[in-house]
Amino acid sequence: RELNDPRTTAYNKRDAAVTRGADVSDDTKQLMASQIDALSD
C-alpha cells in the first residue's frame, strides 16, 4: 500500500477507496455490518 500510495499515484476514486478500506479492522467491519443490518430491519 505504501509503495502504491494514492497521494502520489494516478489512482481513481475506486482505487483510493479500496486502499483506504484495507485499513479498516475486522472488528470495525463487523460492527458496521451489524449496524447496517439493524437499520435495514
ModelCIF file with pLDDT and N, C-alpha, C, O atoms, coordinates in Angstrom:
data_MODEL
#
_entry.id   MODEL 
#
_entity.id                         1 
_entity.type                       polymer 
_entity.pdbx_number_of_molecules   1 
#
_entity_poly.entity_id                      1 
_entity_poly.type                           'polypeptide(L)' 
_entity_poly.nstd_linkage                   no 
_entity_poly.nstd_monomer                   no 
_entity_poly.pdbx_seq_one_letter_code       RELNDPRTTAYNKRDAAVTRGADVSDDTKQLMASQIDALSD 
_entity_poly.pdbx_seq_one_letter_code_can   RELNDPRTTAYNKRDAAVTRGADVSDDTKQLMASQIDALSD 
_entity_poly.pdbx_strand_id                 A 
#
loop_
_entity_poly_seq.entity_id 
_entity_poly_seq.num 
_entity_poly_seq.mon_id 
_entity_poly_seq.hetero 
1 1  ARG n 
1 2  GLU n 
1 3  LEU n 
1 4  ASN n 
1 5  ASP n 
1 6  PRO n 
1 7  ARG n 
1 8  THR n 
1 9  THR n 
1 10 ALA n 
1 11 TYR n 
1 12 ASN n 
1 13 LYS n 
1 14 ARG n 
1 15 ASP n 
1 16 ALA n 
1 17 ALA n 
1 18 VAL n 
1 19 THR n 
1 20 ARG n 
1 21 GLY n 
1 22 ALA n 
1 23 ASP n 
1 24 VAL n 
1 25 SER n 
1 26 ASP n 
1 27 ASP n 
1 28 THR n 
1 29 LYS n 
1 30 GLN n 
1 31 LEU n 
1 32 MET n 
1 33 ALA n 
1 34 SER n 
1 35 GLN n 
1 36 ILE n 
1 37 ASP n 
1 38 ALA n 
1 39 LEU n 
1 40 SER n 
1 41 ASP n 
#
_struct_asym.id          A 
_struct_asym.entity_id   1 
#
loop_
_ma_qa_metric.id 
_ma_qa_metric.mode 
_ma_qa_metric.name 
_ma_qa_metric.software_group_id 
_ma_qa_metric.type 
1 global pLDDT . pLDDT 
2 local  pLDDT . pLDDT 
#
_ma_qa_metric_global.metric_id      1 
_ma_qa_metric_global.metric_value   56.63 
_ma_qa_metric_global.model_id       1 
_ma_qa_metric_global.ordinal_id     1 
#
loop_
_ma_qa_metric_local.label_asym_id 
_ma_qa_metric_local.label_comp_id 
_ma_qa_metric_local.label_seq_id 
_ma_qa_metric_local.metric_id 
_ma_qa_metric_local.metric_value 
_ma_qa_metric_local.model_id 
_ma_qa_metric_local.ordinal_id 
A ARG 1  2 84.00 1 1  
A GLU 2  2 85.00 1 2  
A LEU 3  2 83.00 1 3  
A ASN 4  2 74.00 1 4  
A ASP 5  2 65.00 1 5  
A PRO 6  2 50.00 1 6  
A ARG 7  2 47.00 1 7  
A THR 8  2 40.00 1 8  
A THR 9  2 41.00 1 9  
A ALA 10 2 39.00 1 10 
A TYR 11 2 37.00 1 11 
A ASN 12 2 41.00 1 12 
A LYS 13 2 40.00 1 13 
A ARG 14 2 42.00 1 14 
A ASP 15 2 41.00 1 15 
A ALA 16 2 39.00 1 16 
A ALA 17 2 44.00 1 17 
A VAL 18 2 43.00 1 18 
A THR 19 2 40.00 1 19 
A ARG 20 2 44.00 1 20 
A GLY 21 2 50.00 1 21 
A ALA 22 2 45.00 1 22 
A ASP 23 2 47.00 1 23 
A VAL 24 2 50.00 1 24 
A SER 25 2 52.00 1 25 
A ASP 26 2 59.00 1 26 
A ASP 27 2 59.00 1 27 
A THR 28 2 61.00 1 28 
A LYS 29 2 57.00 1 29 
A GLN 30 2 69.00 1 30 
A LEU 31 2 69.00 1 31 
A MET 32 2 65.00 1 32 
A ALA 33 2 68.00 1 33 
A SER 34 2 72.00 1 34 
A GLN 35 2 68.00 1 35 
A ILE 36 2 67.00 1 36 
A ASP 37 2 70.00 1 37 
A ALA 38 2 70.00 1 38 
A LEU 39 2 66.00 1 39 
A SER 40 2 69.00 1 40 
A ASP 41 2 70.00 1 41 
#
loop_
_atom_site.group_PDB 
_atom_site.id 
_atom_site.type_symbol 
_atom_site.label_atom_id 
_atom_site.label_alt_id 
_atom_site.label_comp_id 
_atom_site.label_asym_id 
_atom_site.label_entity_id 
_atom_site.label_seq_id 
_atom_site.pdbx_PDB_ins_code 
_atom_site.Cartn_x 
_atom_site.Cartn_y 
_atom_site.Cartn_z 
_atom_site.occupancy 
_atom_site.B_iso_or_equiv 
_atom_site.pdbx_formal_charge 
_atom_site.auth_seq_id 
_atom_site.auth_comp_id 
_atom_site.auth_asym_id 
_atom_site.auth_atom_id 
_atom_site.pdbx_PDB_model_num 
ATOM 1   N N  . ARG A 1 1  ? 0.832   -1.208 0.000   1.00 84.00 ? 1  ARG A N  1 
ATOM 2   C CA . ARG A 1 1  ? 0.000   0.000  0.000   1.00 84.00 ? 1  ARG A CA 1 
ATOM 3   C C  . ARG A 1 1  ? 0.865   1.255  0.000   1.00 84.00 ? 1  ARG A C  1 
ATOM 4   O O  . ARG A 1 1  ? 0.566   2.219  -0.706  1.00 84.00 ? 1  ARG A O  1 
ATOM 5   N N  . GLU A 1 2  ? 1.942   1.245  0.795   1.00 85.00 ? 2  GLU A N  1 
ATOM 6   C CA . GLU A 1 2  ? 2.821   2.416  0.880   1.00 85.00 ? 2  GLU A CA 1 
ATOM 7   C C  . GLU A 1 2  ? 3.574   2.652  -0.426  1.00 85.00 ? 2  GLU A C  1 
ATOM 8   O O  . GLU A 1 2  ? 3.882   3.791  -0.778  1.00 85.00 ? 2  GLU A O  1 
ATOM 9   N N  . LEU A 1 3  ? 3.867   1.565  -1.139  1.00 83.00 ? 3  LEU A N  1 
ATOM 10  C CA . LEU A 1 3  ? 4.567   1.699  -2.413  1.00 83.00 ? 3  LEU A CA 1 
ATOM 11  C C  . LEU A 1 3  ? 3.628   2.112  -3.544  1.00 83.00 ? 3  LEU A C  1 
ATOM 12  O O  . LEU A 1 3  ? 4.074   2.444  -4.642  1.00 83.00 ? 3  LEU A O  1 
ATOM 13  N N  . ASN A 1 4  ? 2.329   2.090  -3.265  1.00 74.00 ? 4  ASN A N  1 
ATOM 14  C CA . ASN A 1 4  ? 1.336   2.490  -4.270  1.00 74.00 ? 4  ASN A CA 1 
ATOM 15  C C  . ASN A 1 4  ? 0.357   3.481  -3.662  1.00 74.00 ? 4  ASN A C  1 
ATOM 16  O O  . ASN A 1 4  ? -0.851  3.391  -3.882  1.00 74.00 ? 4  ASN A O  1 
ATOM 17  N N  . ASP A 1 5  ? 0.889   4.429  -2.894  1.00 65.00 ? 5  ASP A N  1 
ATOM 18  C CA . ASP A 1 5  ? 0.054   5.373  -2.172  1.00 65.00 ? 5  ASP A CA 1 
ATOM 19  C C  . ASP A 1 5  ? -0.709  6.272  -3.126  1.00 65.00 ? 5  ASP A C  1 
ATOM 20  O O  . ASP A 1 5  ? -0.109  6.823  -4.049  1.00 65.00 ? 5  ASP A O  1 
ATOM 21  N N  . PRO A 1 6  ? -2.030  6.444  -2.934  1.00 50.00 ? 6  PRO A N  1 
ATOM 22  C CA . PRO A 1 6  ? -2.833  7.274  -3.832  1.00 50.00 ? 6  PRO A CA 1 
ATOM 23  C C  . PRO A 1 6  ? -2.495  8.751  -3.791  1.00 50.00 ? 6  PRO A C  1 
ATOM 24  O O  . PRO A 1 6  ? -2.963  9.512  -4.638  1.00 50.00 ? 6  PRO A O  1 
ATOM 25  N N  . ARG A 1 7  ? -1.685  9.175  -2.816  1.00 47.00 ? 7  ARG A N  1 
ATOM 26  C CA . ARG A 1 7  ? -1.309  10.595 -2.778  1.00 47.00 ? 7  ARG A CA 1 
ATOM 27  C C  . ARG A 1 7  ? -0.354  10.940 -3.908  1.00 47.00 ? 7  ARG A C  1 
ATOM 28  O O  . ARG A 1 7  ? -0.262  12.096 -4.321  1.00 47.00 ? 7  ARG A O  1 
ATOM 29  N N  . THR A 1 8  ? 0.358   9.932  -4.411  1.00 40.00 ? 8  THR A N  1 
ATOM 30  C CA . THR A 1 8  ? 1.357   10.224 -5.438  1.00 40.00 ? 8  THR A CA 1 
ATOM 31  C C  . THR A 1 8  ? 1.143   9.413  -6.701  1.00 40.00 ? 8  THR A C  1 
ATOM 32  O O  . THR A 1 8  ? 1.819   9.654  -7.701  1.00 40.00 ? 8  THR A O  1 
ATOM 33  N N  . THR A 1 9  ? 0.213   8.450  -6.685  1.00 41.00 ? 9  THR A N  1 
ATOM 34  C CA . THR A 1 9  ? -0.023  7.607  -7.832  1.00 41.00 ? 9  THR A CA 1 
ATOM 35  C C  . THR A 1 9  ? -1.336  7.989  -8.482  1.00 41.00 ? 9  THR A C  1 
ATOM 36  O O  . THR A 1 9  ? -2.245  8.469  -7.805  1.00 41.00 ? 9  THR A O  1 
ATOM 37  N N  . ALA A 1 10 ? -1.452  7.782  -9.799  1.00 39.00 ? 10 ALA A N  1 
ATOM 38  C CA . ALA A 1 10 ? -2.659  8.164  -10.522 1.00 39.00 ? 10 ALA A CA 1 
ATOM 39  C C  . ALA A 1 10 ? -3.787  7.167  -10.256 1.00 39.00 ? 10 ALA A C  1 
ATOM 40  O O  . ALA A 1 10 ? -4.206  6.444  -11.160 1.00 39.00 ? 10 ALA A O  1 
ATOM 41  N N  . TYR A 1 11 ? -4.268  7.130  -9.038  1.00 37.00 ? 11 TYR A N  1 
ATOM 42  C CA . TYR A 1 11 ? -5.399  6.289  -8.657  1.00 37.00 ? 11 TYR A CA 1 
ATOM 43  C C  . TYR A 1 11 ? -6.695  6.979  -9.075  1.00 37.00 ? 11 TYR A C  1 
ATOM 44  O O  . TYR A 1 11 ? -6.756  8.205  -9.174  1.00 37.00 ? 11 TYR A O  1 
ATOM 45  N N  . ASN A 1 12 ? -7.718  6.181  -9.316  1.00 41.00 ? 12 ASN A N  1 
ATOM 46  C CA . ASN A 1 12 ? -9.037  6.783  -9.435  1.00 41.00 ? 12 ASN A CA 1 
ATOM 47  C C  . ASN A 1 12 ? -9.726  6.643  -8.083  1.00 41.00 ? 12 ASN A C  1 
ATOM 48  O O  . ASN A 1 12 ? -9.146  6.089  -7.149  1.00 41.00 ? 12 ASN A O  1 
ATOM 49  N N  . LYS A 1 13 ? -10.954 7.139  -7.968  1.00 40.00 ? 13 LYS A N  1 
ATOM 50  C CA . LYS A 1 13 ? -11.640 7.143  -6.682  1.00 40.00 ? 13 LYS A CA 1 
ATOM 51  C C  . LYS A 1 13 ? -11.866 5.732  -6.160  1.00 40.00 ? 13 LYS A C  1 
ATOM 52  O O  . LYS A 1 13 ? -11.800 5.489  -4.955  1.00 40.00 ? 13 LYS A O  1 
ATOM 53  N N  . ARG A 1 14 ? -12.133 4.803  -7.074  1.00 42.00 ? 14 ARG A N  1 
ATOM 54  C CA . ARG A 1 14 ? -12.368 3.424  -6.648  1.00 42.00 ? 14 ARG A CA 1 
ATOM 55  C C  . ARG A 1 14 ? -11.104 2.846  -6.034  1.00 42.00 ? 14 ARG A C  1 
ATOM 56  O O  . ARG A 1 14 ? -11.162 2.200  -4.988  1.00 42.00 ? 14 ARG A O  1 
ATOM 57  N N  . ASP A 1 15 ? -9.948  3.075  -6.682  1.00 41.00 ? 15 ASP A N  1 
ATOM 58  C CA . ASP A 1 15 ? -8.684  2.561  -6.169  1.00 41.00 ? 15 ASP A CA 1 
ATOM 59  C C  . ASP A 1 15 ? -8.404  3.094  -4.769  1.00 41.00 ? 15 ASP A C  1 
ATOM 60  O O  . ASP A 1 15 ? -8.010  2.350  -3.871  1.00 41.00 ? 15 ASP A O  1 
ATOM 61  N N  . ALA A 1 16 ? -8.617  4.400  -4.603  1.00 39.00 ? 16 ALA A N  1 
ATOM 62  C CA . ALA A 1 16 ? -8.342  5.014  -3.309  1.00 39.00 ? 16 ALA A CA 1 
ATOM 63  C C  . ALA A 1 16 ? -9.260  4.436  -2.236  1.00 39.00 ? 16 ALA A C  1 
ATOM 64  O O  . ALA A 1 16 ? -8.836  4.205  -1.104  1.00 39.00 ? 16 ALA A O  1 
ATOM 65  N N  . ALA A 1 17 ? -10.532 4.203  -2.604  1.00 44.00 ? 17 ALA A N  1 
ATOM 66  C CA . ALA A 1 17 ? -11.475 3.651  -1.640  1.00 44.00 ? 17 ALA A CA 1 
ATOM 67  C C  . ALA A 1 17 ? -11.066 2.242  -1.219  1.00 44.00 ? 17 ALA A C  1 
ATOM 68  O O  . ALA A 1 17 ? -11.145 1.893  -0.041  1.00 44.00 ? 17 ALA A O  1 
ATOM 69  N N  . VAL A 1 18 ? -10.630 1.435  -2.183  1.00 43.00 ? 18 VAL A N  1 
ATOM 70  C CA . VAL A 1 18 ? -10.192 0.078  -1.864  1.00 43.00 ? 18 VAL A CA 1 
ATOM 71  C C  . VAL A 1 18 ? -8.974  0.121  -0.960  1.00 43.00 ? 18 VAL A C  1 
ATOM 72  O O  . VAL A 1 18 ? -8.882  -0.638 0.005   1.00 43.00 ? 18 VAL A O  1 
ATOM 73  N N  . THR A 1 19 ? -8.031  1.015  -1.274  1.00 40.00 ? 19 THR A N  1 
ATOM 74  C CA . THR A 1 19 ? -6.820  1.123  -0.468  1.00 40.00 ? 19 THR A CA 1 
ATOM 75  C C  . THR A 1 19 ? -7.147  1.548  0.956   1.00 40.00 ? 19 THR A C  1 
ATOM 76  O O  . THR A 1 19 ? -6.650  0.952  1.912   1.00 40.00 ? 19 THR A O  1 
ATOM 77  N N  . ARG A 1 20 ? -7.984  2.578  1.103   1.00 44.00 ? 20 ARG A N  1 
ATOM 78  C CA . ARG A 1 20 ? -8.331  3.049  2.434   1.00 44.00 ? 20 ARG A CA 1 
ATOM 79  C C  . ARG A 1 20 ? -9.151  1.999  3.185   1.00 44.00 ? 20 ARG A C  1 
ATOM 80  O O  . ARG A 1 20 ? -9.031  1.866  4.403   1.00 44.00 ? 20 ARG A O  1 
ATOM 81  N N  . GLY A 1 21 ? -9.979  1.259  2.457   1.00 50.00 ? 21 GLY A N  1 
ATOM 82  C CA . GLY A 1 21 ? -10.779 0.226  3.094   1.00 50.00 ? 21 GLY A CA 1 
ATOM 83  C C  . GLY A 1 21 ? -9.927  -0.865 3.713   1.00 50.00 ? 21 GLY A C  1 
ATOM 84  O O  . GLY A 1 21 ? -10.332 -1.520 4.673   1.00 50.00 ? 21 GLY A O  1 
ATOM 85  N N  . ALA A 1 22 ? -8.723  -1.055 3.142   1.00 45.00 ? 22 ALA A N  1 
ATOM 86  C CA . ALA A 1 22 ? -7.830  -2.080 3.688   1.00 45.00 ? 22 ALA A CA 1 
ATOM 87  C C  . ALA A 1 22 ? -7.361  -1.724 5.090   1.00 45.00 ? 22 ALA A C  1 
ATOM 88  O O  . ALA A 1 22 ? -6.893  -2.593 5.825   1.00 45.00 ? 22 ALA A O  1 
ATOM 89  N N  . ASP A 1 23 ? -7.480  -0.452 5.470   1.00 47.00 ? 23 ASP A N  1 
ATOM 90  C CA . ASP A 1 23 ? -7.046  -0.017 6.797   1.00 47.00 ? 23 ASP A CA 1 
ATOM 91  C C  . ASP A 1 23 ? -8.094  -0.305 7.880   1.00 47.00 ? 23 ASP A C  1 
ATOM 92  O O  . ASP A 1 23 ? -7.791  -0.231 9.071   1.00 47.00 ? 23 ASP A O  1 
ATOM 93  N N  . VAL A 1 24 ? -9.320  -0.632 7.471   1.00 50.00 ? 24 VAL A N  1 
ATOM 94  C CA . VAL A 1 24 ? -10.396 -0.852 8.433   1.00 50.00 ? 24 VAL A CA 1 
ATOM 95  C C  . VAL A 1 24 ? -10.217 -2.218 9.090   1.00 50.00 ? 24 VAL A C  1 
ATOM 96  O O  . VAL A 1 24 ? -10.034 -3.221 8.401   1.00 50.00 ? 24 VAL A O  1 
ATOM 97  N N  . SER A 1 25 ? -10.270 -2.258 10.402  1.00 52.00 ? 25 SER A N  1 
ATOM 98  C CA . SER A 1 25 ? -10.073 -3.515 11.129  1.00 52.00 ? 25 SER A CA 1 
ATOM 99  C C  . SER A 1 25 ? -11.277 -4.425 10.949  1.00 52.00 ? 25 SER A C  1 
ATOM 100 O O  . SER A 1 25 ? -12.366 -3.968 10.602  1.00 52.00 ? 25 SER A O  1 
ATOM 101 N N  . ASP A 1 26 ? -11.071 -5.738 11.191  1.00 59.00 ? 26 ASP A N  1 
ATOM 102 C CA . ASP A 1 26 ? -12.166 -6.698 11.078  1.00 59.00 ? 26 ASP A CA 1 
ATOM 103 C C  . ASP A 1 26 ? -13.262 -6.397 12.094  1.00 59.00 ? 26 ASP A C  1 
ATOM 104 O O  . ASP A 1 26 ? -14.446 -6.543 11.791  1.00 59.00 ? 26 ASP A O  1 
ATOM 105 N N  . ASP A 1 27 ? -12.878 -5.980 13.294  1.00 59.00 ? 27 ASP A N  1 
ATOM 106 C CA . ASP A 1 27 ? -13.871 -5.656 14.320  1.00 59.00 ? 27 ASP A CA 1 
ATOM 107 C C  . ASP A 1 27 ? -14.766 -4.504 13.884  1.00 59.00 ? 27 ASP A C  1 
ATOM 108 O O  . ASP A 1 27 ? -15.979 -4.525 14.091  1.00 59.00 ? 27 ASP A O  1 
ATOM 109 N N  . THR A 1 28 ? -14.129 -3.478 13.262  1.00 61.00 ? 28 THR A N  1 
ATOM 110 C CA . THR A 1 28 ? -14.899 -2.333 12.793  1.00 61.00 ? 28 THR A CA 1 
ATOM 111 C C  . THR A 1 28 ? -15.838 -2.740 11.656  1.00 61.00 ? 28 THR A C  1 
ATOM 112 O O  . THR A 1 28 ? -16.976 -2.277 11.591  1.00 61.00 ? 28 THR A O  1 
ATOM 113 N N  . LYS A 1 29 ? -15.357 -3.605 10.765  1.00 57.00 ? 29 LYS A N  1 
ATOM 114 C CA . LYS A 1 29 ? -16.194 -4.078 9.660   1.00 57.00 ? 29 LYS A CA 1 
ATOM 115 C C  . LYS A 1 29 ? -17.410 -4.836 10.189  1.00 57.00 ? 29 LYS A C  1 
ATOM 116 O O  . LYS A 1 29 ? -18.518 -4.663 9.683   1.00 57.00 ? 29 LYS A O  1 
ATOM 117 N N  . GLN A 1 30 ? -17.204 -5.677 11.208  1.00 69.00 ? 30 GLN A N  1 
ATOM 118 C CA . GLN A 1 30 ? -18.316 -6.436 11.786  1.00 69.00 ? 30 GLN A CA 1 
ATOM 119 C C  . GLN A 1 30 ? -19.325 -5.510 12.456  1.00 69.00 ? 30 GLN A C  1 
ATOM 120 O O  . GLN A 1 30 ? -20.534 -5.719 12.355  1.00 69.00 ? 30 GLN A O  1 
ATOM 121 N N  . LEU A 1 31 ? -18.818 -4.483 13.142  1.00 69.00 ? 31 LEU A N  1 
ATOM 122 C CA . LEU A 1 31 ? -19.706 -3.526 13.799  1.00 69.00 ? 31 LEU A CA 1 
ATOM 123 C C  . LEU A 1 31 ? -20.535 -2.780 12.768  1.00 69.00 ? 31 LEU A C  1 
ATOM 124 O O  . LEU A 1 31 ? -21.741 -2.606 12.942  1.00 69.00 ? 31 LEU A O  1 
ATOM 125 N N  . MET A 1 32 ? -19.882 -2.334 11.684  1.00 65.00 ? 32 MET A N  1 
ATOM 126 C CA . MET A 1 32 ? -20.598 -1.603 10.633  1.00 65.00 ? 32 MET A CA 1 
ATOM 127 C C  . MET A 1 32 ? -21.647 -2.495 9.986   1.00 65.00 ? 32 MET A C  1 
ATOM 128 O O  . MET A 1 32 ? -22.752 -2.041 9.686   1.00 65.00 ? 32 MET A O  1 
ATOM 129 N N  . ALA A 1 33 ? -21.301 -3.787 9.766   1.00 68.00 ? 33 ALA A N  1 
ATOM 130 C CA . ALA A 1 33 ? -22.241 -4.714 9.131   1.00 68.00 ? 33 ALA A CA 1 
ATOM 131 C C  . ALA A 1 33 ? -23.481 -4.912 10.017  1.00 68.00 ? 33 ALA A C  1 
ATOM 132 O O  . ALA A 1 33 ? -24.608 -4.952 9.521   1.00 68.00 ? 33 ALA A O  1 
ATOM 133 N N  . SER A 1 34 ? -23.257 -5.035 11.331  1.00 72.00 ? 34 SER A N  1 
ATOM 134 C CA . SER A 1 34 ? -24.386 -5.237 12.244  1.00 72.00 ? 34 SER A CA 1 
ATOM 135 C C  . SER A 1 34 ? -25.269 -3.992 12.289  1.00 72.00 ? 34 SER A C  1 
ATOM 136 O O  . SER A 1 34 ? -26.492 -4.097 12.378  1.00 72.00 ? 34 SER A O  1 
ATOM 137 N N  . GLN A 1 35 ? -24.645 -2.810 12.227  1.00 68.00 ? 35 GLN A N  1 
ATOM 138 C CA . GLN A 1 35 ? -25.422 -1.566 12.248  1.00 68.00 ? 35 GLN A CA 1 
ATOM 139 C C  . GLN A 1 35 ? -26.246 -1.421 10.966  1.00 68.00 ? 35 GLN A C  1 
ATOM 140 O O  . GLN A 1 35 ? -27.385 -0.955 11.001  1.00 68.00 ? 35 GLN A O  1 
ATOM 141 N N  . ILE A 1 36 ? -25.668 -1.820 9.854   1.00 67.00 ? 36 ILE A N  1 
ATOM 142 C CA . ILE A 1 36 ? -26.401 -1.744 8.582   1.00 67.00 ? 36 ILE A CA 1 
ATOM 143 C C  . ILE A 1 36 ? -27.590 -2.700 8.602   1.00 67.00 ? 36 ILE A C  1 
ATOM 144 O O  . ILE A 1 36 ? -28.684 -2.355 8.155   1.00 67.00 ? 36 ILE A O  1 
ATOM 145 N N  . ASP A 1 37 ? -27.358 -3.930 9.134   1.00 70.00 ? 37 ASP A N  1 
ATOM 146 C CA . ASP A 1 37 ? -28.451 -4.903 9.211   1.00 70.00 ? 37 ASP A CA 1 
ATOM 147 C C  . ASP A 1 37 ? -29.576 -4.376 10.104  1.00 70.00 ? 37 ASP A C  1 
ATOM 148 O O  . ASP A 1 37 ? -30.755 -4.511 9.778   1.00 70.00 ? 37 ASP A O  1 
ATOM 149 N N  . ALA A 1 38 ? -29.196 -3.774 11.235  1.00 70.00 ? 38 ALA A N  1 
ATOM 150 C CA . ALA A 1 38 ? -30.202 -3.261 12.172  1.00 70.00 ? 38 ALA A CA 1 
ATOM 151 C C  . ALA A 1 38 ? -31.010 -2.140 11.545  1.00 70.00 ? 38 ALA A C  1 
ATOM 152 O O  . ALA A 1 38 ? -32.230 -2.087 11.699  1.00 70.00 ? 38 ALA A O  1 
ATOM 153 N N  . LEU A 1 39 ? -30.331 -1.237 10.833  1.00 66.00 ? 39 LEU A N  1 
ATOM 154 C CA . LEU A 1 39 ? -31.021 -0.117 10.196  1.00 66.00 ? 39 LEU A CA 1 
ATOM 155 C C  . LEU A 1 39 ? -31.895 -0.602 9.056   1.00 66.00 ? 39 LEU A C  1 
ATOM 156 O O  . LEU A 1 39 ? -32.967 -0.051 8.807   1.00 66.00 ? 39 LEU A O  1 
ATOM 157 N N  . SER A 1 40 ? -31.432 -1.642 8.359   1.00 69.00 ? 40 SER A N  1 
ATOM 158 C CA . SER A 1 40 ? -32.226 -2.204 7.269   1.00 69.00 ? 40 SER A CA 1 
ATOM 159 C C  . SER A 1 40 ? -33.522 -2.800 7.799   1.00 69.00 ? 40 SER A C  1 
ATOM 160 O O  . SER A 1 40 ? -34.586 -2.625 7.205   1.00 69.00 ? 40 SER A O  1 
ATOM 161 N N  . ASP A 1 41 ? -33.423 -3.519 8.943   1.00 70.00 ? 41 ASP A N  1 
ATOM 162 C CA . ASP A 1 41 ? -34.632 -4.086 9.554   1.00 70.00 ? 41 ASP A CA 1 
ATOM 163 C C  . ASP A 1 41 ? -35.579 -2.972 10.002  1.00 70.00 ? 41 ASP A C  1 
ATOM 164 O O  . ASP A 1 41 ? -36.650 -3.253 10.540  1.00 70.00 ? 41 ASP A O  1 
#
